[in-house]
Amino acid sequence: MKVPVIPKDGGFKRRLRSELLKGCPYTSYWVDSVIRTTYSIMESWRKRYLRGRAKKAKPRVKRRFAKCKITLIKVDYNAKAIRITLKPWEYLTVSWKGCGLIEGLEVRLSGRS
C-alpha cells in the first residue's frame, strides 16, 4: 500500500493561496475556507485509507456547501434577515421571515451578543 503524502508546509500553502486569489473576486476568507476544508477532507480520507476503510480513489464532494465565519455575518432581527459578505461591499441576504422552522433559531441567535 502506497502512503499518500499531503503537503503541509507553509510555503506550499502560501503559494496555493496566492494562486487561488489571482482570479478570485471574493474576499480572501473564502479562499482560506476552501483550503482549510480541502485539507480537512484530504486528511480524513487519508486516515480512512490507511486503516483500510476508504478506497484508493480520490475523495469527491457530493454536495456543495460553505462554512461562514461569524465576522462575515450580520443578523438583522427587525427585518428577520441574515446578511453574508461575499465580496467587498457585496452581500447575500437570506430572509427567514414567515418561516416557522427557523423561529427557534431567532431566539438562540438573539441570546448571543
N, C-alpha and C. Protein backbone atom coordinates (compact mmCIF):
# COMPACT_ATOMS: atom_id res chain seq x y z
N MET A 1 0.85 -1.18 0.00
CA MET A 1 0.00 0.00 0.00
C MET A 1 0.89 1.24 0.00
N LYS A 2 0.66 2.11 -0.98
CA LYS A 2 1.38 3.38 -1.01
C LYS A 2 0.74 4.36 -0.04
N VAL A 3 1.57 5.05 0.72
CA VAL A 3 1.05 6.02 1.68
C VAL A 3 0.93 7.37 0.98
N PRO A 4 -0.28 7.91 0.85
CA PRO A 4 -0.44 9.22 0.20
C PRO A 4 0.16 10.33 1.06
N VAL A 5 0.90 11.22 0.41
CA VAL A 5 1.53 12.33 1.10
C VAL A 5 0.78 13.61 0.74
N ILE A 6 0.37 14.35 1.76
CA ILE A 6 -0.34 15.61 1.56
C ILE A 6 0.60 16.72 2.03
N PRO A 7 1.04 17.61 1.12
CA PRO A 7 1.98 18.67 1.53
C PRO A 7 1.36 19.62 2.54
N LYS A 8 2.09 19.82 3.66
CA LYS A 8 1.55 20.66 4.73
C LYS A 8 2.42 21.86 5.05
N ASP A 9 3.54 22.00 4.37
CA ASP A 9 4.45 23.10 4.72
C ASP A 9 3.84 24.45 4.37
N GLY A 10 4.24 25.47 5.13
CA GLY A 10 3.68 26.81 4.97
C GLY A 10 3.93 27.41 3.60
N GLY A 11 5.08 27.11 3.00
CA GLY A 11 5.39 27.64 1.67
C GLY A 11 4.42 27.15 0.62
N PHE A 12 4.08 25.86 0.68
CA PHE A 12 3.12 25.30 -0.28
C PHE A 12 1.76 25.95 -0.12
N LYS A 13 1.32 26.10 1.14
CA LYS A 13 0.01 26.70 1.39
C LYS A 13 -0.03 28.17 0.96
N ARG A 14 1.06 28.90 1.16
CA ARG A 14 1.11 30.31 0.71
C ARG A 14 1.04 30.40 -0.81
N ARG A 15 1.78 29.53 -1.50
CA ARG A 15 1.74 29.53 -2.97
C ARG A 15 0.35 29.16 -3.48
N LEU A 16 -0.26 28.17 -2.84
CA LEU A 16 -1.61 27.75 -3.22
C LEU A 16 -2.60 28.89 -3.01
N ARG A 17 -2.51 29.57 -1.88
CA ARG A 17 -3.41 30.68 -1.56
C ARG A 17 -3.25 31.82 -2.57
N SER A 18 -2.00 32.19 -2.86
CA SER A 18 -1.77 33.29 -3.80
C SER A 18 -2.25 32.92 -5.21
N GLU A 19 -2.10 31.65 -5.58
CA GLU A 19 -2.57 31.20 -6.90
C GLU A 19 -4.09 31.25 -6.97
N LEU A 20 -4.76 30.83 -5.91
CA LEU A 20 -6.22 30.85 -5.91
C LEU A 20 -6.78 32.27 -5.82
N LEU A 21 -6.07 33.17 -5.17
CA LEU A 21 -6.53 34.56 -5.04
C LEU A 21 -6.41 35.36 -6.34
N LYS A 22 -5.55 34.91 -7.27
CA LYS A 22 -5.32 35.66 -8.52
C LYS A 22 -6.61 35.93 -9.28
N GLY A 23 -7.42 34.91 -9.51
CA GLY A 23 -8.62 35.11 -10.32
C GLY A 23 -9.90 35.14 -9.51
N CYS A 24 -9.77 35.26 -8.19
CA CYS A 24 -10.95 35.20 -7.33
C CYS A 24 -11.40 36.60 -6.91
N PRO A 25 -12.61 37.00 -7.27
CA PRO A 25 -13.08 38.33 -6.90
C PRO A 25 -13.63 38.40 -5.47
N TYR A 26 -13.78 37.24 -4.81
CA TYR A 26 -14.38 37.20 -3.48
C TYR A 26 -13.37 37.58 -2.40
N THR A 27 -13.87 37.80 -1.18
CA THR A 27 -12.97 38.13 -0.08
C THR A 27 -12.03 36.96 0.18
N SER A 28 -10.84 37.27 0.71
CA SER A 28 -9.82 36.25 0.90
C SER A 28 -10.26 35.18 1.90
N TYR A 29 -11.21 35.50 2.76
CA TYR A 29 -11.68 34.49 3.71
C TYR A 29 -12.20 33.26 2.99
N TRP A 30 -12.91 33.44 1.88
CA TRP A 30 -13.50 32.30 1.18
C TRP A 30 -12.42 31.39 0.61
N VAL A 31 -11.31 31.96 0.15
CA VAL A 31 -10.19 31.14 -0.35
C VAL A 31 -9.57 30.38 0.81
N ASP A 32 -9.37 31.05 1.94
CA ASP A 32 -8.82 30.38 3.12
C ASP A 32 -9.73 29.25 3.58
N SER A 33 -11.03 29.49 3.52
CA SER A 33 -12.01 28.47 3.92
C SER A 33 -11.94 27.25 3.00
N VAL A 34 -11.79 27.49 1.71
CA VAL A 34 -11.69 26.39 0.75
C VAL A 34 -10.44 25.55 1.05
N ILE A 35 -9.33 26.21 1.32
CA ILE A 35 -8.09 25.50 1.61
C ILE A 35 -8.24 24.67 2.89
N ARG A 36 -8.77 25.27 3.95
CA ARG A 36 -8.96 24.55 5.22
C ARG A 36 -9.89 23.35 5.04
N THR A 37 -10.99 23.54 4.35
CA THR A 37 -11.96 22.47 4.14
C THR A 37 -11.36 21.35 3.31
N THR A 38 -10.62 21.70 2.27
CA THR A 38 -9.98 20.70 1.42
C THR A 38 -8.97 19.88 2.20
N TYR A 39 -8.15 20.54 3.00
CA TYR A 39 -7.19 19.82 3.82
C TYR A 39 -7.91 18.90 4.80
N SER A 40 -9.01 19.34 5.36
CA SER A 40 -9.77 18.52 6.29
C SER A 40 -10.31 17.26 5.60
N ILE A 41 -10.86 17.42 4.40
CA ILE A 41 -11.39 16.29 3.63
C ILE A 41 -10.26 15.32 3.28
N MET A 42 -9.12 15.86 2.83
CA MET A 42 -8.00 15.01 2.44
C MET A 42 -7.41 14.25 3.63
N GLU A 43 -7.28 14.93 4.78
CA GLU A 43 -6.75 14.26 5.98
C GLU A 43 -7.69 13.16 6.44
N SER A 44 -8.98 13.42 6.42
CA SER A 44 -9.96 12.41 6.81
C SER A 44 -9.89 11.21 5.87
N TRP A 45 -9.82 11.46 4.58
CA TRP A 45 -9.71 10.38 3.61
C TRP A 45 -8.43 9.59 3.81
N ARG A 46 -7.31 10.28 4.05
CA ARG A 46 -6.02 9.62 4.23
C ARG A 46 -6.05 8.68 5.43
N LYS A 47 -6.61 9.14 6.54
CA LYS A 47 -6.71 8.29 7.73
C LYS A 47 -7.55 7.05 7.46
N ARG A 48 -8.70 7.25 6.80
CA ARG A 48 -9.56 6.11 6.48
C ARG A 48 -8.88 5.16 5.50
N TYR A 49 -8.13 5.70 4.53
CA TYR A 49 -7.43 4.89 3.55
C TYR A 49 -6.35 4.03 4.22
N LEU A 50 -5.59 4.63 5.13
CA LEU A 50 -4.53 3.88 5.81
C LEU A 50 -5.09 2.79 6.73
N ARG A 51 -6.30 2.99 7.23
CA ARG A 51 -6.94 1.97 8.06
C ARG A 51 -7.70 0.93 7.24
N GLY A 52 -7.73 1.12 5.91
CA GLY A 52 -8.41 0.17 5.03
C GLY A 52 -9.90 0.41 4.91
N ARG A 53 -10.38 1.57 5.32
CA ARG A 53 -11.82 1.86 5.27
C ARG A 53 -12.22 2.73 4.09
N ALA A 54 -11.24 3.18 3.30
CA ALA A 54 -11.56 4.02 2.14
C ALA A 54 -10.85 3.46 0.92
N LYS A 55 -11.43 3.71 -0.23
CA LYS A 55 -10.82 3.25 -1.48
C LYS A 55 -9.67 4.16 -1.87
N LYS A 56 -8.89 3.71 -2.84
CA LYS A 56 -7.73 4.48 -3.30
C LYS A 56 -8.16 5.71 -4.11
N ALA A 57 -9.36 5.67 -4.66
CA ALA A 57 -9.84 6.80 -5.48
C ALA A 57 -9.92 8.06 -4.63
N LYS A 58 -9.60 9.18 -5.24
CA LYS A 58 -9.62 10.44 -4.51
C LYS A 58 -11.03 10.77 -4.02
N PRO A 59 -11.13 11.46 -2.89
CA PRO A 59 -12.46 11.81 -2.38
C PRO A 59 -13.13 12.86 -3.25
N ARG A 60 -14.44 12.78 -3.32
CA ARG A 60 -15.22 13.75 -4.09
C ARG A 60 -16.26 14.39 -3.19
N VAL A 61 -16.50 15.67 -3.41
CA VAL A 61 -17.52 16.39 -2.66
C VAL A 61 -18.86 16.09 -3.31
N LYS A 62 -19.78 15.54 -2.53
CA LYS A 62 -21.08 15.14 -3.08
C LYS A 62 -22.08 16.29 -3.11
N ARG A 63 -22.01 17.16 -2.11
CA ARG A 63 -22.92 18.31 -2.04
C ARG A 63 -22.11 19.58 -1.86
N ARG A 64 -22.52 20.64 -2.52
CA ARG A 64 -21.85 21.94 -2.34
C ARG A 64 -22.22 22.52 -0.99
N PHE A 65 -21.25 23.12 -0.34
CA PHE A 65 -21.51 23.74 0.96
C PHE A 65 -20.47 24.82 1.18
N ALA A 66 -20.74 25.66 2.14
CA ALA A 66 -19.79 26.71 2.53
C ALA A 66 -19.93 26.95 4.03
N LYS A 67 -18.80 27.06 4.68
CA LYS A 67 -18.78 27.43 6.08
C LYS A 67 -18.49 28.91 6.14
N CYS A 68 -19.23 29.61 6.96
CA CYS A 68 -19.09 31.06 7.02
C CYS A 68 -18.64 31.49 8.41
N LYS A 69 -17.64 32.32 8.45
CA LYS A 69 -17.13 32.87 9.70
C LYS A 69 -18.15 33.86 10.26
N ILE A 70 -18.26 33.89 11.57
CA ILE A 70 -19.26 34.74 12.21
C ILE A 70 -19.00 36.23 11.93
N THR A 71 -17.75 36.60 11.66
CA THR A 71 -17.45 38.01 11.38
C THR A 71 -17.95 38.45 10.01
N LEU A 72 -18.30 37.51 9.15
CA LEU A 72 -18.83 37.85 7.83
C LEU A 72 -20.36 37.86 7.80
N ILE A 73 -20.97 37.62 8.96
CA ILE A 73 -22.42 37.55 9.05
C ILE A 73 -22.95 38.70 9.90
N LYS A 74 -24.04 39.29 9.43
CA LYS A 74 -24.74 40.29 10.24
C LYS A 74 -26.20 39.87 10.30
N VAL A 75 -26.73 39.76 11.51
CA VAL A 75 -28.12 39.35 11.70
C VAL A 75 -28.96 40.59 11.99
N ASP A 76 -30.01 40.79 11.18
CA ASP A 76 -30.95 41.90 11.39
C ASP A 76 -32.25 41.30 11.92
N TYR A 77 -32.46 41.42 13.23
CA TYR A 77 -33.63 40.80 13.86
C TYR A 77 -34.93 41.51 13.50
N ASN A 78 -34.90 42.80 13.24
CA ASN A 78 -36.12 43.52 12.86
C ASN A 78 -36.62 43.09 11.49
N ALA A 79 -35.72 42.96 10.53
CA ALA A 79 -36.10 42.54 9.18
C ALA A 79 -36.12 41.02 9.04
N LYS A 80 -35.69 40.30 10.09
CA LYS A 80 -35.58 38.84 10.07
C LYS A 80 -34.77 38.38 8.86
N ALA A 81 -33.53 38.86 8.80
CA ALA A 81 -32.66 38.52 7.68
C ALA A 81 -31.22 38.37 8.16
N ILE A 82 -30.47 37.58 7.43
CA ILE A 82 -29.04 37.40 7.68
C ILE A 82 -28.29 37.91 6.46
N ARG A 83 -27.30 38.75 6.68
CA ARG A 83 -26.51 39.30 5.58
C ARG A 83 -25.11 38.68 5.62
N ILE A 84 -24.67 38.09 4.51
CA ILE A 84 -23.37 37.43 4.41
C ILE A 84 -22.51 38.18 3.40
N THR A 85 -21.29 38.54 3.81
CA THR A 85 -20.37 39.26 2.92
C THR A 85 -19.75 38.29 1.93
N LEU A 86 -19.89 38.57 0.63
CA LEU A 86 -19.27 37.75 -0.41
C LEU A 86 -18.03 38.44 -0.98
N LYS A 87 -18.23 39.66 -1.41
CA LYS A 87 -17.15 40.48 -1.96
C LYS A 87 -17.15 41.79 -1.17
N PRO A 88 -16.07 42.55 -1.26
CA PRO A 88 -16.12 43.85 -0.59
C PRO A 88 -17.31 44.67 -1.10
N TRP A 89 -18.15 45.09 -0.20
CA TRP A 89 -19.36 45.87 -0.45
C TRP A 89 -20.40 45.12 -1.28
N GLU A 90 -20.34 43.80 -1.29
CA GLU A 90 -21.34 42.99 -1.99
C GLU A 90 -21.80 41.89 -1.03
N TYR A 91 -23.12 41.79 -0.83
CA TYR A 91 -23.65 40.90 0.20
C TYR A 91 -24.72 39.97 -0.36
N LEU A 92 -24.94 38.88 0.34
CA LEU A 92 -26.05 37.96 0.08
C LEU A 92 -26.96 38.07 1.29
N THR A 93 -28.23 38.36 1.06
CA THR A 93 -29.18 38.49 2.16
C THR A 93 -30.15 37.32 2.12
N VAL A 94 -30.25 36.63 3.26
CA VAL A 94 -31.16 35.50 3.40
C VAL A 94 -32.20 35.87 4.45
N SER A 95 -33.46 35.80 4.05
CA SER A 95 -34.54 36.17 4.97
C SER A 95 -35.19 34.92 5.55
N TRP A 96 -35.53 34.99 6.83
CA TRP A 96 -36.27 33.90 7.45
C TRP A 96 -37.67 34.36 7.88
N LYS A 97 -38.12 35.47 7.31
CA LYS A 97 -39.46 35.99 7.62
C LYS A 97 -40.52 35.01 7.12
N GLY A 98 -41.45 34.66 8.00
CA GLY A 98 -42.54 33.77 7.62
C GLY A 98 -42.16 32.30 7.60
N CYS A 99 -40.97 31.97 8.03
CA CYS A 99 -40.52 30.58 8.04
C CYS A 99 -40.66 30.04 9.46
N GLY A 100 -41.61 29.17 9.68
CA GLY A 100 -41.91 28.67 11.02
C GLY A 100 -40.80 27.81 11.61
N LEU A 101 -40.02 27.14 10.78
CA LEU A 101 -38.99 26.25 11.28
C LEU A 101 -37.82 27.01 11.91
N ILE A 102 -37.60 28.23 11.52
CA ILE A 102 -36.43 28.97 11.98
C ILE A 102 -36.76 29.90 13.14
N GLU A 103 -37.99 29.94 13.57
CA GLU A 103 -38.36 30.83 14.67
C GLU A 103 -37.54 30.53 15.92
N GLY A 104 -37.23 29.26 16.19
CA GLY A 104 -36.41 28.91 17.35
C GLY A 104 -34.99 29.40 17.20
N LEU A 105 -34.51 29.50 15.96
CA LEU A 105 -33.16 29.98 15.69
C LEU A 105 -33.03 31.45 16.09
N GLU A 106 -34.07 32.21 15.87
CA GLU A 106 -34.04 33.63 16.23
C GLU A 106 -33.77 33.79 17.72
N VAL A 107 -34.40 32.98 18.53
CA VAL A 107 -34.22 33.05 19.98
C VAL A 107 -32.79 32.68 20.34
N ARG A 108 -32.26 31.62 19.73
CA ARG A 108 -30.89 31.20 20.04
C ARG A 108 -29.89 32.24 19.62
N LEU A 109 -30.07 32.83 18.44
CA LEU A 109 -29.12 33.83 17.96
C LEU A 109 -29.22 35.11 18.78
N SER A 110 -30.42 35.46 19.21
CA SER A 110 -30.57 36.69 19.96
C SER A 110 -29.97 36.57 21.35
N GLY A 111 -29.80 35.34 21.84
CA GLY A 111 -29.17 35.14 23.13
C GLY A 111 -27.68 35.43 23.10
N ARG A 112 -27.09 35.34 21.92
CA ARG A 112 -25.67 35.66 21.73
C ARG A 112 -25.54 37.13 21.42
N SER A 113 -24.56 37.75 21.97
CA SER A 113 -24.36 39.18 21.68
C SER A 113 -23.24 39.38 20.71
